[in-house]
Amino acid sequence: MKARWRISAQTWQNIHHLLQKQWSPERISGWLRTNQRHPVSDEWIYQHVLQDKRSQGTLYRHLRCQRRRRKRYGMYSCRGHLRNRVGEQR
């Protein structure tokens, strides 16, 4: 049995159109929730744009922020250390 898509093709076409108008995924998500009654989270839209980019698409060019989004994990090793600290001499 094939998995069914929760979001219709027409909704994705609306999302593509709004992205090309330079709308942010957060704004699109809110607009769809209030006007179209199709709840699509902004994270789903970002994931769709990334998938489109991996398949040589151009939707990512319409995002406002062109920087790479990533979470940083495991950066606690630098906490509490003073750089160029001169130690006590006893």
PDB file of N, CA and C in Angstrom:
ATOM      1  N   MET A   1       0.844  -1.189   0.000  1.00  0.00           N
ATOM      2  CA  MET A   1       0.000   0.000   0.000  1.00  0.00           C
ATOM      3  C   MET A   1       0.883   1.243   0.000  1.00  0.00           C
ATOM      4  N   LYS A   2       0.584   2.174  -0.859  1.00  0.00           N
ATOM      5  CA  LYS A   2       1.355   3.407  -0.959  1.00  0.00           C
ATOM      6  C   LYS A   2       0.913   4.418   0.094  1.00  0.00           C
ATOM      7  N   ALA A   3       1.875   5.177   0.559  1.00  0.00           N
ATOM      8  CA  ALA A   3       1.538   6.246   1.505  1.00  0.00           C
ATOM      9  C   ALA A   3       0.879   7.395   0.749  1.00  0.00           C
ATOM     10  N   ARG A   4      -0.127   7.978   1.340  1.00  0.00           N
ATOM     11  CA  ARG A   4      -0.820   9.096   0.699  1.00  0.00           C
ATOM     12  C   ARG A   4      -0.255  10.406   1.196  1.00  0.00           C
ATOM     13  N   TRP A   5      -0.203  11.379   0.320  1.00  0.00           N
ATOM     14  CA  TRP A   5       0.247  12.715   0.695  1.00  0.00           C
ATOM     15  C   TRP A   5      -0.854  13.416   1.464  1.00  0.00           C
ATOM     16  N   ARG A   6      -0.481  14.076   2.530  1.00  0.00           N
ATOM     17  CA  ARG A   6      -1.470  14.814   3.323  1.00  0.00           C
ATOM     18  C   ARG A   6      -1.803  16.156   2.703  1.00  0.00           C
ATOM     19  N   ILE A   7      -0.876  16.697   1.914  1.00  0.00           N
ATOM     20  CA  ILE A   7      -1.061  18.024   1.329  1.00  0.00           C
ATOM     21  C   ILE A   7      -1.311  17.839  -0.162  1.00  0.00           C
ATOM     22  N   SER A   8      -2.368  18.470  -0.648  1.00  0.00           N
ATOM     23  CA  SER A   8      -2.748  18.286  -2.049  1.00  0.00           C
ATOM     24  C   SER A   8      -1.784  19.022  -2.981  1.00  0.00           C
ATOM     25  N   ALA A   9      -1.808  18.610  -4.236  1.00  0.00           N
ATOM     26  CA  ALA A   9      -0.957  19.240  -5.250  1.00  0.00           C
ATOM     27  C   ALA A   9      -1.347  20.701  -5.450  1.00  0.00           C
ATOM     28  N   GLN A  10      -2.625  20.996  -5.332  1.00  0.00           N
ATOM     29  CA  GLN A  10      -3.089  22.390  -5.480  1.00  0.00           C
ATOM     30  C   GLN A  10      -2.524  23.281  -4.376  1.00  0.00           C
ATOM     31  N   THR A  11      -2.448  22.751  -3.166  1.00  0.00           N
ATOM     32  CA  THR A  11      -1.872  23.518  -2.062  1.00  0.00           C
ATOM     33  C   THR A  11      -0.394  23.784  -2.307  1.00  0.00           C
ATOM     34  N   TRP A  12       0.334  22.762  -2.809  1.00  0.00           N
ATOM     35  CA  TRP A  12       1.753  22.980  -3.105  1.00  0.00           C
ATOM     36  C   TRP A  12       1.925  23.986  -4.229  1.00  0.00           C
ATOM     37  N   GLN A  13       1.017  24.009  -5.193  1.00  0.00           N
ATOM     38  CA  GLN A  13       1.099  25.021  -6.253  1.00  0.00           C
ATOM     39  C   GLN A  13       0.912  26.411  -5.674  1.00  0.00           C
ATOM     40  N   ASN A  14      -0.020  26.551  -4.735  1.00  0.00           N
ATOM     41  CA  ASN A  14      -0.216  27.844  -4.066  1.00  0.00           C
ATOM     42  C   ASN A  14       1.044  28.253  -3.307  1.00  0.00           C
ATOM     43  N   ILE A  15       1.670  27.285  -2.639  1.00  0.00           N
ATOM     44  CA  ILE A  15       2.886  27.578  -1.886  1.00  0.00           C
ATOM     45  C   ILE A  15       3.996  28.016  -2.824  1.00  0.00           C
ATOM     46  N   HIS A  16       4.156  27.331  -3.959  1.00  0.00           N
ATOM     47  CA  HIS A  16       5.183  27.711  -4.937  1.00  0.00           C
ATOM     48  C   HIS A  16       4.938  29.124  -5.445  1.00  0.00           C
ATOM     49  N   HIS A  17       3.677  29.429  -5.738  1.00  0.00           N
ATOM     50  CA  HIS A  17       3.328  30.768  -6.241  1.00  0.00           C
ATOM     51  C   HIS A  17       3.658  31.851  -5.207  1.00  0.00           C
ATOM     52  N   LEU A  18       3.322  31.594  -3.951  1.00  0.00           N
ATOM     53  CA  LEU A  18       3.580  32.587  -2.909  1.00  0.00           C
ATOM     54  C   LEU A  18       5.074  32.720  -2.616  1.00  0.00           C
ATOM     55  N   LEU A  19       5.823  31.623  -2.711  1.00  0.00           N
ATOM     56  CA  LEU A  19       7.275  31.715  -2.541  1.00  0.00           C
ATOM     57  C   LEU A  19       7.896  32.564  -3.637  1.00  0.00           C
ATOM     58  N   GLN A  20       7.390  32.442  -4.848  1.00  0.00           N
ATOM     59  CA  GLN A  20       7.911  33.239  -5.952  1.00  0.00           C
ATOM     60  C   GLN A  20       7.570  34.711  -5.802  1.00  0.00           C
ATOM     61  N   LYS A  21       6.568  35.009  -4.996  1.00  0.00           N
ATOM     62  CA  LYS A  21       6.234  36.407  -4.669  1.00  0.00           C
ATOM     63  C   LYS A  21       7.043  36.916  -3.482  1.00  0.00           C
ATOM     64  N   GLN A  22       8.059  36.139  -3.058  1.00  0.00           N
ATOM     65  CA  GLN A  22       8.960  36.500  -1.958  1.00  0.00           C
ATOM     66  C   GLN A  22       8.290  36.458  -0.587  1.00  0.00           C
ATOM     67  N   TRP A  23       7.251  35.653  -0.405  1.00  0.00           N
ATOM     68  CA  TRP A  23       6.643  35.480   0.898  1.00  0.00           C
ATOM     69  C   TRP A  23       7.495  34.534   1.714  1.00  0.00           C
ATOM     70  N   SER A  24       7.586  34.753   2.996  1.00  0.00           N
ATOM     71  CA  SER A  24       8.336  33.852   3.869  1.00  0.00           C
ATOM     72  C   SER A  24       7.492  32.614   4.165  1.00  0.00           C
ATOM     73  N   PRO A  25       8.135  31.476   4.452  1.00  0.00           N
ATOM     74  CA  PRO A  25       7.369  30.273   4.798  1.00  0.00           C
ATOM     75  C   PRO A  25       6.475  30.464   6.025  1.00  0.00           C
ATOM     76  N   GLU A  26       6.909  31.283   6.981  1.00  0.00           N
ATOM     77  CA  GLU A  26       6.077  31.551   8.148  1.00  0.00           C
ATOM     78  C   GLU A  26       4.800  32.278   7.751  1.00  0.00           C
ATOM     79  N   ARG A  27       4.939  33.262   6.862  1.00  0.00           N
ATOM     80  CA  ARG A  27       3.778  34.026   6.414  1.00  0.00           C
ATOM     81  C   ARG A  27       2.840  33.144   5.596  1.00  0.00           C
ATOM     82  N   ILE A  28       3.403  32.297   4.731  1.00  0.00           N
ATOM     83  CA  ILE A  28       2.586  31.385   3.928  1.00  0.00           C
ATOM     84  C   ILE A  28       1.812  30.440   4.833  1.00  0.00           C
ATOM     85  N   SER A  29       2.479  29.907   5.853  1.00  0.00           N
ATOM     86  CA  SER A  29       1.832  28.987   6.778  1.00  0.00           C
ATOM     87  C   SER A  29       0.654  29.654   7.478  1.00  0.00           C
ATOM     88  N   GLY A  30       0.852  30.865   7.951  1.00  0.00           N
ATOM     89  CA  GLY A  30      -0.234  31.590   8.611  1.00  0.00           C
ATOM     90  C   GLY A  30      -1.373  31.918   7.671  1.00  0.00           C
ATOM     91  N   TRP A  31      -1.042  32.309   6.442  1.00  0.00           N
ATOM     92  CA  TRP A  31      -2.068  32.654   5.465  1.00  0.00           C
ATOM     93  C   TRP A  31      -2.898  31.432   5.092  1.00  0.00           C
ATOM     94  N   LEU A  32      -2.218  30.300   4.889  1.00  0.00           N
ATOM     95  CA  LEU A  32      -2.954  29.078   4.553  1.00  0.00           C
ATOM     96  C   LEU A  32      -3.857  28.644   5.695  1.00  0.00           C
ATOM     97  N   ARG A  33      -3.379  28.826   6.919  1.00  0.00           N
ATOM     98  CA  ARG A  33      -4.179  28.417   8.080  1.00  0.00           C
ATOM     99  C   ARG A  33      -5.449  29.247   8.193  1.00  0.00           C
ATOM    100  N   THR A  34      -5.367  30.549   7.933  1.00  0.00           N
ATOM    101  CA  THR A  34      -6.540  31.410   8.114  1.00  0.00           C
ATOM    102  C   THR A  34      -7.432  31.472   6.883  1.00  0.00           C
ATOM    103  N   ASN A  35      -6.851  31.550   5.688  1.00  0.00           N
ATOM    104  CA  ASN A  35      -7.667  31.758   4.490  1.00  0.00           C
ATOM    105  C   ASN A  35      -8.053  30.483   3.771  1.00  0.00           C
ATOM    106  N   GLN A  36      -7.178  29.512   3.717  1.00  0.00           N
ATOM    107  CA  GLN A  36      -7.440  28.307   2.943  1.00  0.00           C
ATOM    108  C   GLN A  36      -7.859  27.118   3.808  1.00  0.00           C
ATOM    109  N   ARG A  37      -7.713  27.220   5.094  1.00  0.00           N
ATOM    110  CA  ARG A  37      -8.044  26.135   6.028  1.00  0.00           C
ATOM    111  C   ARG A  37      -7.214  24.880   5.779  1.00  0.00           C
ATOM    112  N   HIS A  38      -5.989  25.070   5.275  1.00  0.00           N
ATOM    113  CA  HIS A  38      -5.061  23.966   5.068  1.00  0.00           C
ATOM    114  C   HIS A  38      -3.848  24.204   5.961  1.00  0.00           C
ATOM    115  N   PRO A  39      -3.791  23.574   7.116  1.00  0.00           N
ATOM    116  CA  PRO A  39      -2.636  23.824   7.986  1.00  0.00           C
ATOM    117  C   PRO A  39      -1.379  23.138   7.457  1.00  0.00           C
ATOM    118  N   VAL A  40      -0.433  23.943   7.019  1.00  0.00           N
ATOM    119  CA  VAL A  40       0.872  23.465   6.573  1.00  0.00           C
ATOM    120  C   VAL A  40       1.904  24.227   7.391  1.00  0.00           C
ATOM    121  N   SER A  41       2.723  23.519   8.140  1.00  0.00           N
ATOM    122  CA  SER A  41       3.682  24.214   8.995  1.00  0.00           C
ATOM    123  C   SER A  41       4.803  24.820   8.161  1.00  0.00           C
ATOM    124  N   ASP A  42       5.403  25.857   8.701  1.00  0.00           N
ATOM    125  CA  ASP A  42       6.518  26.501   7.999  1.00  0.00           C
ATOM    126  C   ASP A  42       7.705  25.550   7.879  1.00  0.00           C
ATOM    127  N   GLU A  43       7.864  24.639   8.828  1.00  0.00           N
ATOM    128  CA  GLU A  43       8.959  23.671   8.750  1.00  0.00           C
ATOM    129  C   GLU A  43       8.760  22.718   7.570  1.00  0.00           C
ATOM    130  N   TRP A  44       7.520  22.337   7.290  1.00  0.00           N
ATOM    131  CA  TRP A  44       7.242  21.490   6.122  1.00  0.00           C
ATOM    132  C   TRP A  44       7.601  22.227   4.842  1.00  0.00           C
ATOM    133  N   ILE A  45       7.313  23.525   4.823  1.00  0.00           N
ATOM    134  CA  ILE A  45       7.629  24.316   3.628  1.00  0.00           C
ATOM    135  C   ILE A  45       9.139  24.396   3.452  1.00  0.00           C
ATOM    136  N   TYR A  46       9.879  24.635   4.555  1.00  0.00           N
ATOM    137  CA  TYR A  46      11.344  24.659   4.458  1.00  0.00           C
ATOM    138  C   TYR A  46      11.879  23.304   3.988  1.00  0.00           C
ATOM    139  N   GLN A  47      11.337  22.204   4.500  1.00  0.00           N
ATOM    140  CA  GLN A  47      11.783  20.885   4.078  1.00  0.00           C
ATOM    141  C   GLN A  47      11.483  20.646   2.601  1.00  0.00           C
ATOM    142  N   HIS A  48      10.346  21.123   2.136  1.00  0.00           N
ATOM    143  CA  HIS A  48       9.981  20.993   0.724  1.00  0.00           C
ATOM    144  C   HIS A  48      10.945  21.790  -0.159  1.00  0.00           C
ATOM    145  N   VAL A  49      11.305  22.986   0.298  1.00  0.00           N
ATOM    146  CA  VAL A  49      12.242  23.817  -0.462  1.00  0.00           C
ATOM    147  C   VAL A  49      13.610  23.146  -0.518  1.00  0.00           C
ATOM    148  N   LEU A  50      14.060  22.566   0.598  1.00  0.00           N
ATOM    149  CA  LEU A  50      15.345  21.866   0.604  1.00  0.00           C
ATOM    150  C   LEU A  50      15.319  20.647  -0.312  1.00  0.00           C
ATOM    151  N   GLN A  51      14.216  19.917  -0.317  1.00  0.00           N
ATOM    152  CA  GLN A  51      14.091  18.764  -1.204  1.00  0.00           C
ATOM    153  C   GLN A  51      14.110  19.219  -2.662  1.00  0.00           C
ATOM    154  N   ASP A  52      13.457  20.339  -2.943  1.00  0.00           N
ATOM    155  CA  ASP A  52      13.455  20.888  -4.292  1.00  0.00           C
ATOM    156  C   ASP A  52      14.866  21.312  -4.710  1.00  0.00           C
ATOM    157  N   LYS A  53      15.607  21.887  -3.771  1.00  0.00           N
ATOM    158  CA  LYS A  53      16.979  22.306  -4.076  1.00  0.00           C
ATOM    159  C   LYS A  53      17.861  21.102  -4.385  1.00  0.00           C
ATOM    160  N   ARG A  54      17.690  20.020  -3.627  1.00  0.00           N
ATOM    161  CA  ARG A  54      18.480  18.806  -3.871  1.00  0.00           C
ATOM    162  C   ARG A  54      18.194  18.203  -5.237  1.00  0.00           C
ATOM    163  N   SER A  55      16.990  18.417  -5.755  1.00  0.00           N
ATOM    164  CA  SER A  55      16.648  17.896  -7.078  1.00  0.00           C
ATOM    165  C   SER A  55      16.808  18.978  -8.152  1.00  0.00           C
ATOM    166  N   GLN A  56      17.757  19.895  -7.922  1.00  0.00           N
ATOM    167  CA  GLN A  56      18.129  20.945  -8.875  1.00  0.00           C
ATOM    168  C   GLN A  56      17.016  21.967  -9.121  1.00  0.00           C
ATOM    169  N   GLY A  57      16.141  22.173  -8.149  1.00  0.00           N
ATOM    170  CA  GLY A  57      15.081  23.167  -8.270  1.00  0.00           C
ATOM    171  C   GLY A  57      15.585  24.552  -7.894  1.00  0.00           C
ATOM    172  N   THR A  58      14.742  25.562  -8.060  1.00  0.00           N
ATOM    173  CA  THR A  58      15.146  26.943  -7.797  1.00  0.00           C
ATOM    174  C   THR A  58      14.293  27.630  -6.742  1.00  0.00           C
ATOM    175  N   LEU A  59      13.487  26.887  -6.001  1.00  0.00           N
ATOM    176  CA  LEU A  59      12.642  27.521  -4.981  1.00  0.00           C
ATOM    177  C   LEU A  59      13.470  28.188  -3.892  1.00  0.00           C
ATOM    178  N   TYR A  60      14.636  27.650  -3.578  1.00  0.00           N
ATOM    179  CA  TYR A  60      15.450  28.210  -2.499  1.00  0.00           C
ATOM    180  C   TYR A  60      15.897  29.633  -2.805  1.00  0.00           C
ATOM    181  N   ARG A  61      15.949  29.996  -4.053  1.00  0.00           N
ATOM    182  CA  ARG A  61      16.369  31.360  -4.420  1.00  0.00           C
ATOM    183  C   ARG A  61      15.335  32.414  -4.029  1.00  0.00           C
ATOM    184  N   HIS A  62      14.115  31.979  -3.780  1.00  0.00           N
ATOM    185  CA  HIS A  62      13.051  32.918  -3.424  1.00  0.00           C
ATOM    186  C   HIS A  62      12.929  33.129  -1.920  1.00  0.00           C
ATOM    187  N   LEU A  63      13.726  32.408  -1.135  1.00  0.00           N
ATOM    188  CA  LEU A  63      13.692  32.619   0.308  1.00  0.00           C
ATOM    189  C   LEU A  63      14.362  33.939   0.644  1.00  0.00           C
ATOM    190  N   ARG A  64      13.864  34.608   1.654  1.00  0.00           N
ATOM    191  CA  ARG A  64      14.442  35.887   2.040  1.00  0.00           C
ATOM    192  C   ARG A  64      15.858  35.739   2.575  1.00  0.00           C
ATOM    193  N   CYS A  65      16.045  34.778   3.432  1.00  0.00           N
ATOM    194  CA  CYS A  65      17.348  34.557   4.053  1.00  0.00           C
ATOM    195  C   CYS A  65      18.083  33.489   3.258  1.00  0.00           C
ATOM    196  N   GLN A  66      19.182  33.856   2.643  1.00  0.00           N
ATOM    197  CA  GLN A  66      19.920  32.928   1.809  1.00  0.00           C
ATOM    198  C   GLN A  66      21.004  32.186   2.574  1.00  0.00           C
ATOM    199  N   ARG A  67      21.162  32.503   3.842  1.00  0.00           N
ATOM    200  CA  ARG A  67      22.178  31.820   4.632  1.00  0.00           C
ATOM    201  C   ARG A  67      21.747  30.404   4.966  1.00  0.00           C
ATOM    202  N   ARG A  68      22.708  29.573   5.227  1.00  0.00           N
ATOM    203  CA  ARG A  68      22.435  28.186   5.560  1.00  0.00           C
ATOM    204  C   ARG A  68      21.877  28.099   6.975  1.00  0.00           C
ATOM    205  N   ARG A  69      20.808  27.336   7.131  1.00  0.00           N
ATOM    206  CA  ARG A  69      20.193  27.170   8.444  1.00  0.00           C
ATOM    207  C   ARG A  69      20.710  25.884   9.053  1.00  0.00           C
ATOM    208  N   ARG A  70      21.286  25.982  10.259  1.00  0.00           N
ATOM    209  CA  ARG A  70      21.700  24.765  10.938  1.00  0.00           C
ATOM    210  C   ARG A  70      21.717  25.002  12.432  1.00  0.00           C
ATOM    211  N   LYS A  71      21.439  23.968  13.164  1.00  0.00           N
ATOM    212  CA  LYS A  71      21.500  24.035  14.615  1.00  0.00           C
ATOM    213  C   LYS A  71      22.884  23.597  15.045  1.00  0.00           C
ATOM    214  N   ARG A  72      23.362  24.163  16.101  1.00  0.00           N
ATOM    215  CA  ARG A  72      24.678  23.808  16.605  1.00  0.00           C
ATOM    216  C   ARG A  72      24.517  22.948  17.849  1.00  0.00           C
ATOM    217  N   TYR A  73      25.151  21.808  17.819  1.00  0.00           N
ATOM    218  CA  TYR A  73      25.106  20.898  18.950  1.00  0.00           C
ATOM    219  C   TYR A  73      26.532  20.635  19.420  1.00  0.00           C
ATOM    220  N   GLY A  74      26.692  20.380  20.692  1.00  0.00           N
ATOM    221  CA  GLY A  74      27.984  19.971  21.220  1.00  0.00           C
ATOM    222  C   GLY A  74      29.025  21.059  21.269  1.00  0.00           C
ATOM    223  N   MET A  75      28.635  22.300  21.470  1.00  0.00           N
ATOM    224  CA  MET A  75      29.595  23.391  21.502  1.00  0.00           C
ATOM    225  C   MET A  75      29.890  23.841  22.939  1.00  0.00           C
ATOM    226  N   TYR A  76      29.677  22.965  23.905  1.00  0.00           N
ATOM    227  CA  TYR A  76      29.842  23.362  25.288  1.00  0.00           C
ATOM    228  C   TYR A  76      31.285  23.280  25.769  1.00  0.00           C
ATOM    229  N   SER A  77      32.193  22.797  24.947  1.00  0.00           N
ATOM    230  CA  SER A  77      33.570  22.612  25.395  1.00  0.00           C
ATOM    231  C   SER A  77      34.286  23.951  25.620  1.00  0.00           C
ATOM    232  N   CYS A  78      33.805  25.021  25.047  1.00  0.00           N
ATOM    233  CA  CYS A  78      34.464  26.325  25.171  1.00  0.00           C
ATOM    234  C   CYS A  78      33.909  27.146  26.326  1.00  0.00           C
ATOM    235  N   ARG A  79      32.927  26.637  27.026  1.00  0.00           N
ATOM    236  CA  ARG A  79      32.325  27.409  28.110  1.00  0.00           C
ATOM    237  C   ARG A  79      33.266  27.501  29.300  1.00  0.00           C
ATOM    238  N   GLY A  80      33.350  28.668  29.881  1.00  0.00           N
ATOM    239  CA  GLY A  80      34.101  28.851  31.108  1.00  0.00           C
ATOM    240  C   GLY A  80      35.599  28.953  30.927  1.00  0.00           C
ATOM    241  N   HIS A  81      36.081  29.028  29.720  1.00  0.00           N
ATOM    242  CA  HIS A  81      37.514  29.146  29.468  1.00  0.00           C
ATOM    243  C   HIS A  81      37.824  30.565  29.004  1.00  0.00           C
ATOM    244  N   LEU A  82      38.823  31.144  29.582  1.00  0.00           N
ATOM    245  CA  LEU A  82      39.265  32.469  29.182  1.00  0.00           C
ATOM    246  C   LEU A  82      40.447  32.321  28.232  1.00  0.00           C
ATOM    247  N   ARG A  83      40.355  32.925  27.077  1.00  0.00           N
ATOM    248  CA  ARG A  83      41.438  32.843  26.116  1.00  0.00           C
ATOM    249  C   ARG A  83      42.602  33.725  26.563  1.00  0.00           C
ATOM    250  N   ASN A  84      43.788  33.252  26.280  1.00  0.00           N
ATOM    251  CA  ASN A  84      45.021  33.981  26.616  1.00  0.00           C
ATOM    252  C   ASN A  84      45.139  34.302  28.095  1.00  0.00           C
ATOM    253  N   ARG A  85      44.623  33.429  28.908  1.00  0.00           N
ATOM    254  CA  ARG A  85      44.648  33.652  30.348  1.00  0.00           C
ATOM    255  C   ARG A  85      46.076  33.395  30.865  1.00  0.00           C
ATOM    256  N   VAL A  86      46.511  34.256  31.719  1.00  0.00           N
ATOM    257  CA  VAL A  86      47.812  34.073  32.360  1.00  0.00           C
ATOM    258  C   VAL A  86      47.563  33.392  33.701  1.00  0.00           C
ATOM    259  N   GLY A  87      48.129  32.210  33.874  1.00  0.00           N
ATOM    260  CA  GLY A  87      47.886  31.450  35.084  1.00  0.00           C
ATOM    261  C   GLY A  87      48.675  32.002  36.286  1.00  0.00           C
ATOM    262  N   GLU A  88      48.237  31.590  37.463  1.00  0.00           N
ATOM    263  CA  GLU A  88      48.913  32.002  38.682  1.00  0.00           C
ATOM    264  C   GLU A  88      50.263  31.291  38.790  1.00  0.00           C
ATOM    265  N   GLN A  89      51.235  32.002  39.269  1.00  0.00           N
ATOM    266  CA  GLN A  89      52.529  31.377  39.494  1.00  0.00           C
ATOM    267  C   GLN A  89      52.744  31.272  40.987  1.00  0.00           C
ATOM    268  N   ARG A  90      53.041  30.083  41.467  1.00  0.00           N
ATOM    269  CA  ARG A  90      53.181  29.882  42.902  1.00  0.00           C
ATOM    270  C   ARG A  90      54.604  29.600  43.232  1.00  0.00           C
TER     271      ARG A  90
END
